[in-house]
Amino acid sequence: MVNRISVSFFALMLLFVSTALGQDTASAVQQAAGQQNTETGAVNEFFRSNSKIYVAMGILVIIFSCITIYLVRLDRKITKLEKEK
């Protein structure tokens, strides 16, 4: 059980690190290809001007945290039922 939790935690942290480091390379690729920079789009300007980007990110973090907690609890219940048989 501890192994599954540590693997899940490692995968989650790897996801966060890869998204944080991947943003710089994505913008460099866009500039090299001559594509429009999406950071200056109307939607992003709206979110940043009203500081709503932090609200949106907070909601996403809460949703993913709840899903993770639910799955961990479900795994524990299933493991407990399997051991009873």
PDB file of N, CA and C in Angstrom:
ATOM      1  N   MET A   1       0.818  -1.190   0.000  1.00  0.00           N
ATOM      2  CA  MET A   1       0.000   0.000   0.000  1.00  0.00           C
ATOM      3  C   MET A   1       0.864   1.257   0.000  1.00  0.00           C
ATOM      4  N   VAL A   2       1.909   1.252   0.820  1.00  0.00           N
ATOM      5  CA  VAL A   2       2.797   2.405   0.864  1.00  0.00           C
ATOM      6  C   VAL A   2       3.497   2.573  -0.479  1.00  0.00           C
ATOM      7  N   ASN A   3       3.788   1.471  -1.128  1.00  0.00           N
ATOM      8  CA  ASN A   3       4.432   1.524  -2.434  1.00  0.00           C
ATOM      9  C   ASN A   3       3.555   2.232  -3.456  1.00  0.00           C
ATOM     10  N   ARG A   4       2.268   1.938  -3.455  1.00  0.00           N
ATOM     11  CA  ARG A   4       1.348   2.569  -4.402  1.00  0.00           C
ATOM     12  C   ARG A   4       1.239   4.063  -4.151  1.00  0.00           C
ATOM     13  N   ILE A   5       1.174   4.449  -2.889  1.00  0.00           N
ATOM     14  CA  ILE A   5       1.071   5.865  -2.556  1.00  0.00           C
ATOM     15  C   ILE A   5       2.329   6.602  -2.968  1.00  0.00           C
ATOM     16  N   SER A   6       3.485   6.026  -2.708  1.00  0.00           N
ATOM     17  CA  SER A   6       4.729   6.700  -3.069  1.00  0.00           C
ATOM     18  C   SER A   6       4.879   6.795  -4.586  1.00  0.00           C
ATOM     19  N   VAL A   7       4.452   5.774  -5.314  1.00  0.00           N
ATOM     20  CA  VAL A   7       4.510   5.824  -6.775  1.00  0.00           C
ATOM     21  C   VAL A   7       3.541   6.877  -7.303  1.00  0.00           C
ATOM     22  N   SER A   8       2.349   6.944  -6.734  1.00  0.00           N
ATOM     23  CA  SER A   8       1.370   7.945  -7.151  1.00  0.00           C
ATOM     24  C   SER A   8       1.882   9.352  -6.874  1.00  0.00           C
ATOM     25  N   PHE A   9       2.460   9.540  -5.699  1.00  0.00           N
ATOM     26  CA  PHE A   9       3.004  10.853  -5.343  1.00  0.00           C
ATOM     27  C   PHE A   9       4.140  11.235  -6.282  1.00  0.00           C
ATOM     28  N   PHE A  10       5.010  10.293  -6.593  1.00  0.00           N
ATOM     29  CA  PHE A  10       6.119  10.553  -7.508  1.00  0.00           C
ATOM     30  C   PHE A  10       5.600  10.934  -8.896  1.00  0.00           C
ATOM     31  N   ALA A  11       4.590  10.226  -9.380  1.00  0.00           N
ATOM     32  CA  ALA A  11       4.026  10.524 -10.698  1.00  0.00           C
ATOM     33  C   ALA A  11       3.389  11.904 -10.721  1.00  0.00           C
ATOM     34  N   LEU A  12       2.712  12.271  -9.648  1.00  0.00           N
ATOM     35  CA  LEU A  12       2.091  13.587  -9.562  1.00  0.00           C
ATOM     36  C   LEU A  12       3.144  14.689  -9.550  1.00  0.00           C
ATOM     37  N   MET A  13       4.187  14.510  -8.782  1.00  0.00           N
ATOM     38  CA  MET A  13       5.250  15.505  -8.736  1.00  0.00           C
ATOM     39  C   MET A  13       5.973  15.610 -10.080  1.00  0.00           C
ATOM     40  N   LEU A  14       6.164  14.480 -10.753  1.00  0.00           N
ATOM     41  CA  LEU A  14       6.789  14.484 -12.065  1.00  0.00           C
ATOM     42  C   LEU A  14       5.934  15.270 -13.058  1.00  0.00           C
ATOM     43  N   LEU A  15       4.620  15.127 -12.959  1.00  0.00           N
ATOM     44  CA  LEU A  15       3.707  15.870 -13.820  1.00  0.00           C
ATOM     45  C   LEU A  15       3.831  17.368 -13.579  1.00  0.00           C
ATOM     46  N   PHE A  16       3.866  17.771 -12.317  1.00  0.00           N
ATOM     47  CA  PHE A  16       3.982  19.188 -11.996  1.00  0.00           C
ATOM     48  C   PHE A  16       5.310  19.772 -12.471  1.00  0.00           C
ATOM     49  N   VAL A  17       6.384  19.040 -12.277  1.00  0.00           N
ATOM     50  CA  VAL A  17       7.699  19.522 -12.695  1.00  0.00           C
ATOM     51  C   VAL A  17       7.778  19.618 -14.217  1.00  0.00           C
ATOM     52  N   SER A  18       7.248  18.621 -14.908  1.00  0.00           N
ATOM     53  CA  SER A  18       7.322  18.645 -16.371  1.00  0.00           C
ATOM     54  C   SER A  18       6.488  19.772 -16.959  1.00  0.00           C
ATOM     55  N   THR A  19       5.352  20.090 -16.352  1.00  0.00           N
ATOM     56  CA  THR A  19       4.547  21.199 -16.867  1.00  0.00           C
ATOM     57  C   THR A  19       5.206  22.535 -16.558  1.00  0.00           C
ATOM     58  N   ALA A  20       5.852  22.636 -15.412  1.00  0.00           N
ATOM     59  CA  ALA A  20       6.502  23.895 -15.066  1.00  0.00           C
ATOM     60  C   ALA A  20       7.708  24.158 -15.962  1.00  0.00           C
ATOM     61  N   LEU A  21       8.472  23.136 -16.264  1.00  0.00           N
ATOM     62  CA  LEU A  21       9.649  23.317 -17.094  1.00  0.00           C
ATOM     63  C   LEU A  21       9.314  23.317 -18.584  1.00  0.00           C
ATOM     64  N   GLY A  22       8.209  22.747 -18.957  1.00  0.00           N
ATOM     65  CA  GLY A  22       7.846  22.631 -20.361  1.00  0.00           C
ATOM     66  C   GLY A  22       7.321  23.910 -20.974  1.00  0.00           C
ATOM     67  N   GLN A  23       6.946  24.886 -20.173  1.00  0.00           N
ATOM     68  CA  GLN A  23       6.372  26.105 -20.702  1.00  0.00           C
ATOM     69  C   GLN A  23       7.405  26.942 -21.438  1.00  0.00           C
ATOM     70  N   ASP A  24       8.618  26.995 -20.954  1.00  0.00           N
ATOM     71  CA  ASP A  24       9.644  27.791 -21.616  1.00  0.00           C
ATOM     72  C   ASP A  24       9.976  27.233 -22.997  1.00  0.00           C
ATOM     73  N   THR A  25      10.069  25.934 -23.102  1.00  0.00           N
ATOM     74  CA  THR A  25      10.406  25.340 -24.392  1.00  0.00           C
ATOM     75  C   THR A  25       9.263  25.476 -25.378  1.00  0.00           C
ATOM     76  N   ALA A  26       8.023  25.438 -24.898  1.00  0.00           N
ATOM     77  CA  ALA A  26       6.870  25.572 -25.797  1.00  0.00           C
ATOM     78  C   ALA A  26       6.830  26.960 -26.403  1.00  0.00           C
ATOM     79  N   SER A  27       7.119  27.997 -25.611  1.00  0.00           N
ATOM     80  CA  SER A  27       7.100  29.351 -26.149  1.00  0.00           C
ATOM     81  C   SER A  27       8.252  29.553 -27.136  1.00  0.00           C
ATOM     82  N   ALA A  28       9.391  28.915 -26.880  1.00  0.00           N
ATOM     83  CA  ALA A  28      10.513  29.023 -27.814  1.00  0.00           C
ATOM     84  C   ALA A  28      10.185  28.354 -29.141  1.00  0.00           C
ATOM     85  N   VAL A  29       9.498  27.216 -29.088  1.00  0.00           N
ATOM     86  CA  VAL A  29       9.097  26.521 -30.311  1.00  0.00           C
ATOM     87  C   VAL A  29       8.086  27.351 -31.084  1.00  0.00           C
ATOM     88  N   GLN A  30       7.155  27.992 -30.388  1.00  0.00           N
ATOM     89  CA  GLN A  30       6.167  28.841 -31.047  1.00  0.00           C
ATOM     90  C   GLN A  30       6.838  30.018 -31.742  1.00  0.00           C
ATOM     91  N   GLN A  31       7.796  30.634 -31.075  1.00  0.00           N
ATOM     92  CA  GLN A  31       8.482  31.778 -31.673  1.00  0.00           C
ATOM     93  C   GLN A  31       9.302  31.344 -32.874  1.00  0.00           C
ATOM     94  N   ALA A  32       9.920  30.173 -32.792  1.00  0.00           N
ATOM     95  CA  ALA A  32      10.713  29.683 -33.910  1.00  0.00           C
ATOM     96  C   ALA A  32       9.830  29.356 -35.105  1.00  0.00           C
ATOM     97  N   ALA A  33       8.618  28.875 -34.842  1.00  0.00           N
ATOM     98  CA  ALA A  33       7.706  28.524 -35.926  1.00  0.00           C
ATOM     99  C   ALA A  33       6.926  29.726 -36.430  1.00  0.00           C
ATOM    100  N   GLY A  34       7.056  30.858 -35.756  1.00  0.00           N
ATOM    101  CA  GLY A  34       6.351  32.062 -36.177  1.00  0.00           C
ATOM    102  C   GLY A  34       4.885  32.046 -35.798  1.00  0.00           C
ATOM    103  N   GLN A  35       4.526  31.256 -34.790  1.00  0.00           N
ATOM    104  CA  GLN A  35       3.136  31.190 -34.360  1.00  0.00           C
ATOM    105  C   GLN A  35       2.838  32.323 -33.386  1.00  0.00           C
ATOM    106  N   GLN A  36       1.544  32.584 -33.232  1.00  0.00           N
ATOM    107  CA  GLN A  36       1.112  33.630 -32.324  1.00  0.00           C
ATOM    108  C   GLN A  36       1.350  33.184 -30.892  1.00  0.00           C
ATOM    109  N   ASN A  37       1.824  34.099 -30.074  1.00  0.00           N
ATOM    110  CA  ASN A  37       2.035  33.809 -28.664  1.00  0.00           C
ATOM    111  C   ASN A  37       0.682  33.819 -27.959  1.00  0.00           C
ATOM    112  N   THR A  38       0.296  32.697 -27.376  1.00  0.00           N
ATOM    113  CA  THR A  38      -1.021  32.598 -26.753  1.00  0.00           C
ATOM    114  C   THR A  38      -1.076  33.296 -25.399  1.00  0.00           C
ATOM    115  N   GLU A  39       0.057  33.699 -24.862  1.00  0.00           N
ATOM    116  CA  GLU A  39       0.057  34.370 -23.566  1.00  0.00           C
ATOM    117  C   GLU A  39      -0.502  35.779 -23.664  1.00  0.00           C
ATOM    118  N   THR A  40      -0.566  36.348 -24.845  1.00  0.00           N
ATOM    119  CA  THR A  40      -1.088  37.693 -25.000  1.00  0.00           C
ATOM    120  C   THR A  40      -2.495  37.689 -25.568  1.00  0.00           C
ATOM    121  N   GLY A  41      -3.160  36.547 -25.589  1.00  0.00           N
ATOM    122  CA  GLY A  41      -4.509  36.442 -26.107  1.00  0.00           C
ATOM    123  C   GLY A  41      -5.506  37.186 -25.229  1.00  0.00           C
ATOM    124  N   ALA A  42      -6.686  37.419 -25.766  1.00  0.00           N
ATOM    125  CA  ALA A  42      -7.711  38.179 -25.051  1.00  0.00           C
ATOM    126  C   ALA A  42      -8.160  37.467 -23.776  1.00  0.00           C
ATOM    127  N   VAL A  43      -8.295  36.154 -23.845  1.00  0.00           N
ATOM    128  CA  VAL A  43      -8.745  35.408 -22.662  1.00  0.00           C
ATOM    129  C   VAL A  43      -7.700  35.491 -21.560  1.00  0.00           C
ATOM    130  N   ASN A  44      -6.443  35.287 -21.921  1.00  0.00           N
ATOM    131  CA  ASN A  44      -5.377  35.347 -20.907  1.00  0.00           C
ATOM    132  C   ASN A  44      -5.240  36.751 -20.330  1.00  0.00           C
ATOM    133  N   GLU A  45      -5.386  37.771 -21.154  1.00  0.00           N
ATOM    134  CA  GLU A  45      -5.317  39.138 -20.639  1.00  0.00           C
ATOM    135  C   GLU A  45      -6.462  39.398 -19.666  1.00  0.00           C
ATOM    136  N   PHE A  46      -7.649  38.873 -19.981  1.00  0.00           N
ATOM    137  CA  PHE A  46      -8.792  39.044 -19.081  1.00  0.00           C
ATOM    138  C   PHE A  46      -8.524  38.371 -17.743  1.00  0.00           C
ATOM    139  N   PHE A  47      -8.056  37.126 -17.770  1.00  0.00           N
ATOM    140  CA  PHE A  47      -7.801  36.403 -16.529  1.00  0.00           C
ATOM    141  C   PHE A  47      -6.713  37.086 -15.702  1.00  0.00           C
ATOM    142  N   ARG A  48      -5.670  37.538 -16.359  1.00  0.00           N
ATOM    143  CA  ARG A  48      -4.572  38.150 -15.613  1.00  0.00           C
ATOM    144  C   ARG A  48      -4.934  39.540 -15.105  1.00  0.00           C
ATOM    145  N   SER A  49      -5.703  40.301 -15.861  1.00  0.00           N
ATOM    146  CA  SER A  49      -6.059  41.654 -15.429  1.00  0.00           C
ATOM    147  C   SER A  49      -6.956  41.621 -14.205  1.00  0.00           C
ATOM    148  N   ASN A  50      -7.798  40.638 -14.094  1.00  0.00           N
ATOM    149  CA  ASN A  50      -8.705  40.521 -12.956  1.00  0.00           C
ATOM    150  C   ASN A  50      -8.199  39.551 -11.902  1.00  0.00           C
ATOM    151  N   SER A  51      -7.011  39.029 -12.071  1.00  0.00           N
ATOM    152  CA  SER A  51      -6.407  38.037 -11.175  1.00  0.00           C
ATOM    153  C   SER A  51      -7.271  36.790 -11.057  1.00  0.00           C
ATOM    154  N   LYS A  52      -8.007  36.477 -12.100  1.00  0.00           N
ATOM    155  CA  LYS A  52      -8.860  35.288 -12.096  1.00  0.00           C
ATOM    156  C   LYS A  52      -8.066  34.027 -12.433  1.00  0.00           C
ATOM    157  N   ILE A  53      -6.873  34.192 -12.964  1.00  0.00           N
ATOM    158  CA  ILE A  53      -6.063  33.029 -13.318  1.00  0.00           C
ATOM    159  C   ILE A  53      -5.743  32.212 -12.073  1.00  0.00           C
ATOM    160  N   TYR A  54      -5.544  32.900 -10.947  1.00  0.00           N
ATOM    161  CA  TYR A  54      -5.237  32.202  -9.704  1.00  0.00           C
ATOM    162  C   TYR A  54      -6.465  31.470  -9.185  1.00  0.00           C
ATOM    163  N   VAL A  55      -7.634  32.037  -9.387  1.00  0.00           N
ATOM    164  CA  VAL A  55      -8.867  31.365  -8.981  1.00  0.00           C
ATOM    165  C   VAL A  55      -9.063  30.103  -9.819  1.00  0.00           C
ATOM    166  N   ALA A  56      -8.864  30.223 -11.118  1.00  0.00           N
ATOM    167  CA  ALA A  56      -9.030  29.069 -12.008  1.00  0.00           C
ATOM    168  C   ALA A  56      -8.025  27.965 -11.657  1.00  0.00           C
ATOM    169  N   MET A  57      -6.782  28.328 -11.423  1.00  0.00           N
ATOM    170  CA  MET A  57      -5.773  27.333 -11.056  1.00  0.00           C
ATOM    171  C   MET A  57      -6.085  26.710  -9.697  1.00  0.00           C
ATOM    172  N   GLY A  58      -6.580  27.506  -8.768  1.00  0.00           N
ATOM    173  CA  GLY A  58      -6.942  26.981  -7.457  1.00  0.00           C
ATOM    174  C   GLY A  58      -8.067  25.966  -7.545  1.00  0.00           C
ATOM    175  N   ILE A  59      -9.053  26.263  -8.384  1.00  0.00           N
ATOM    176  CA  ILE A  59     -10.165  25.335  -8.570  1.00  0.00           C
ATOM    177  C   ILE A  59      -9.679  24.034  -9.195  1.00  0.00           C
ATOM    178  N   LEU A  60      -8.788  24.131 -10.183  1.00  0.00           N
ATOM    179  CA  LEU A  60      -8.238  22.921 -10.800  1.00  0.00           C
ATOM    180  C   LEU A  60      -7.458  22.081  -9.797  1.00  0.00           C
ATOM    181  N   VAL A  61      -6.679  22.726  -8.955  1.00  0.00           N
ATOM    182  CA  VAL A  61      -5.910  22.003  -7.937  1.00  0.00           C
ATOM    183  C   VAL A  61      -6.855  21.307  -6.958  1.00  0.00           C
ATOM    184  N   ILE A  62      -7.918  22.001  -6.562  1.00  0.00           N
ATOM    185  CA  ILE A  62      -8.890  21.404  -5.639  1.00  0.00           C
ATOM    186  C   ILE A  62      -9.569  20.199  -6.277  1.00  0.00           C
ATOM    187  N   ILE A  63      -9.964  20.322  -7.542  1.00  0.00           N
ATOM    188  CA  ILE A  63     -10.638  19.216  -8.225  1.00  0.00           C
ATOM    189  C   ILE A  63      -9.720  18.007  -8.338  1.00  0.00           C
ATOM    190  N   PHE A  64      -8.471  18.209  -8.769  1.00  0.00           N
ATOM    191  CA  PHE A  64      -7.546  17.087  -8.902  1.00  0.00           C
ATOM    192  C   PHE A  64      -7.192  16.484  -7.545  1.00  0.00           C
ATOM    193  N   SER A  65      -7.112  17.314  -6.513  1.00  0.00           N
ATOM    194  CA  SER A  65      -6.845  16.794  -5.169  1.00  0.00           C
ATOM    195  C   SER A  65      -7.986  15.920  -4.695  1.00  0.00           C
ATOM    196  N   CYS A  66      -9.217  16.367  -4.930  1.00  0.00           N
ATOM    197  CA  CYS A  66     -10.385  15.571  -4.522  1.00  0.00           C
ATOM    198  C   CYS A  66     -10.443  14.253  -5.272  1.00  0.00           C
ATOM    199  N   ILE A  67     -10.152  14.276  -6.552  1.00  0.00           N
ATOM    200  CA  ILE A  67     -10.147  13.030  -7.330  1.00  0.00           C
ATOM    201  C   ILE A  67      -9.080  12.078  -6.808  1.00  0.00           C
ATOM    202  N   THR A  68      -7.899  12.608  -6.505  1.00  0.00           N
ATOM    203  CA  THR A  68      -6.812  11.782  -5.983  1.00  0.00           C
ATOM    204  C   THR A  68      -7.185  11.175  -4.637  1.00  0.00           C
ATOM    205  N   ILE A  69      -7.748  11.979  -3.749  1.00  0.00           N
ATOM    206  CA  ILE A  69      -8.155  11.482  -2.435  1.00  0.00           C
ATOM    207  C   ILE A  69      -9.221  10.402  -2.582  1.00  0.00           C
ATOM    208  N   TYR A  70     -10.178  10.639  -3.474  1.00  0.00           N
ATOM    209  CA  TYR A  70     -11.234   9.657  -3.707  1.00  0.00           C
ATOM    210  C   TYR A  70     -10.652   8.333  -4.203  1.00  0.00           C
ATOM    211  N   LEU A  71      -9.725   8.396  -5.140  1.00  0.00           N
ATOM    212  CA  LEU A  71      -9.138   7.173  -5.682  1.00  0.00           C
ATOM    213  C   LEU A  71      -8.311   6.428  -4.638  1.00  0.00           C
ATOM    214  N   VAL A  72      -7.603   7.156  -3.791  1.00  0.00           N
ATOM    215  CA  VAL A  72      -6.816   6.508  -2.740  1.00  0.00           C
ATOM    216  C   VAL A  72      -7.737   5.811  -1.747  1.00  0.00           C
ATOM    217  N   ARG A  73      -8.820   6.493  -1.362  1.00  0.00           N
ATOM    218  CA  ARG A  73      -9.777   5.874  -0.434  1.00  0.00           C
ATOM    219  C   ARG A  73     -10.431   4.649  -1.060  1.00  0.00           C
ATOM    220  N   LEU A  74     -10.772   4.742  -2.327  1.00  0.00           N
ATOM    221  CA  LEU A  74     -11.382   3.612  -3.022  1.00  0.00           C
ATOM    222  C   LEU A  74     -10.422   2.432  -3.101  1.00  0.00           C
ATOM    223  N   ASP A  75      -9.153   2.716  -3.362  1.00  0.00           N
ATOM    224  CA  ASP A  75      -8.146   1.660  -3.416  1.00  0.00           C
ATOM    225  C   ASP A  75      -8.005   0.973  -2.065  1.00  0.00           C
ATOM    226  N   ARG A  76      -8.037   1.747  -1.000  1.00  0.00           N
ATOM    227  CA  ARG A  76      -7.932   1.163   0.340  1.00  0.00           C
ATOM    228  C   ARG A  76      -9.122   0.265   0.638  1.00  0.00           C
ATOM    229  N   LYS A  77     -10.315   0.707   0.259  1.00  0.00           N
ATOM    230  CA  LYS A  77     -11.512  -0.098   0.497  1.00  0.00           C
ATOM    231  C   LYS A  77     -11.474  -1.394  -0.306  1.00  0.00           C
ATOM    232  N   ILE A  78     -11.047  -1.313  -1.549  1.00  0.00           N
ATOM    233  CA  ILE A  78     -10.966  -2.504  -2.393  1.00  0.00           C
ATOM    234  C   ILE A  78      -9.924  -3.475  -1.844  1.00  0.00           C
ATOM    235  N   THR A  79      -8.793  -2.943  -1.422  1.00  0.00           N
ATOM    236  CA  THR A  79      -7.742  -3.787  -0.841  1.00  0.00           C
ATOM    237  C   THR A  79      -8.252  -4.481   0.421  1.00  0.00           C
ATOM    238  N   LYS A  80      -8.990  -3.751   1.223  1.00  0.00           N
ATOM    239  CA  LYS A  80      -9.547  -4.331   2.453  1.00  0.00           C
ATOM    240  C   LYS A  80     -10.536  -5.445   2.127  1.00  0.00           C
ATOM    241  N   LEU A  81     -11.376  -5.239   1.112  1.00  0.00           N
ATOM    242  CA  LEU A  81     -12.332  -6.280   0.710  1.00  0.00           C
ATOM    243  C   LEU A  81     -11.629  -7.488   0.139  1.00  0.00           C
ATOM    244  N   GLU A  82     -10.552  -7.286  -0.598  1.00  0.00           N
ATOM    245  CA  GLU A  82      -9.801  -8.404  -1.177  1.00  0.00           C
ATOM    246  C   GLU A  82      -9.139  -9.242  -0.081  1.00  0.00           C
ATOM    247  N   LYS A  83      -8.683  -8.600   0.954  1.00  0.00           N
ATOM    248  CA  LYS A  83      -8.032  -9.331   2.042  1.00  0.00           C
ATOM    249  C   LYS A  83      -9.030 -10.152   2.839  1.00  0.00           C
ATOM    250  N   GLU A  84     -10.275  -9.719   2.898  1.00  0.00           N
ATOM    251  CA  GLU A  84     -11.298 -10.450   3.653  1.00  0.00           C
ATOM    252  C   GLU A  84     -11.646 -11.774   2.984  1.00  0.00           C
ATOM    253  N   LYS A  85     -11.513 -11.872   1.683  1.00  0.00           N
ATOM    254  CA  LYS A  85     -11.887 -13.096   0.965  1.00  0.00           C
ATOM    255  C   LYS A  85     -10.839 -14.133   1.032  1.00  0.00           C
TER     256      LYS A  85
END
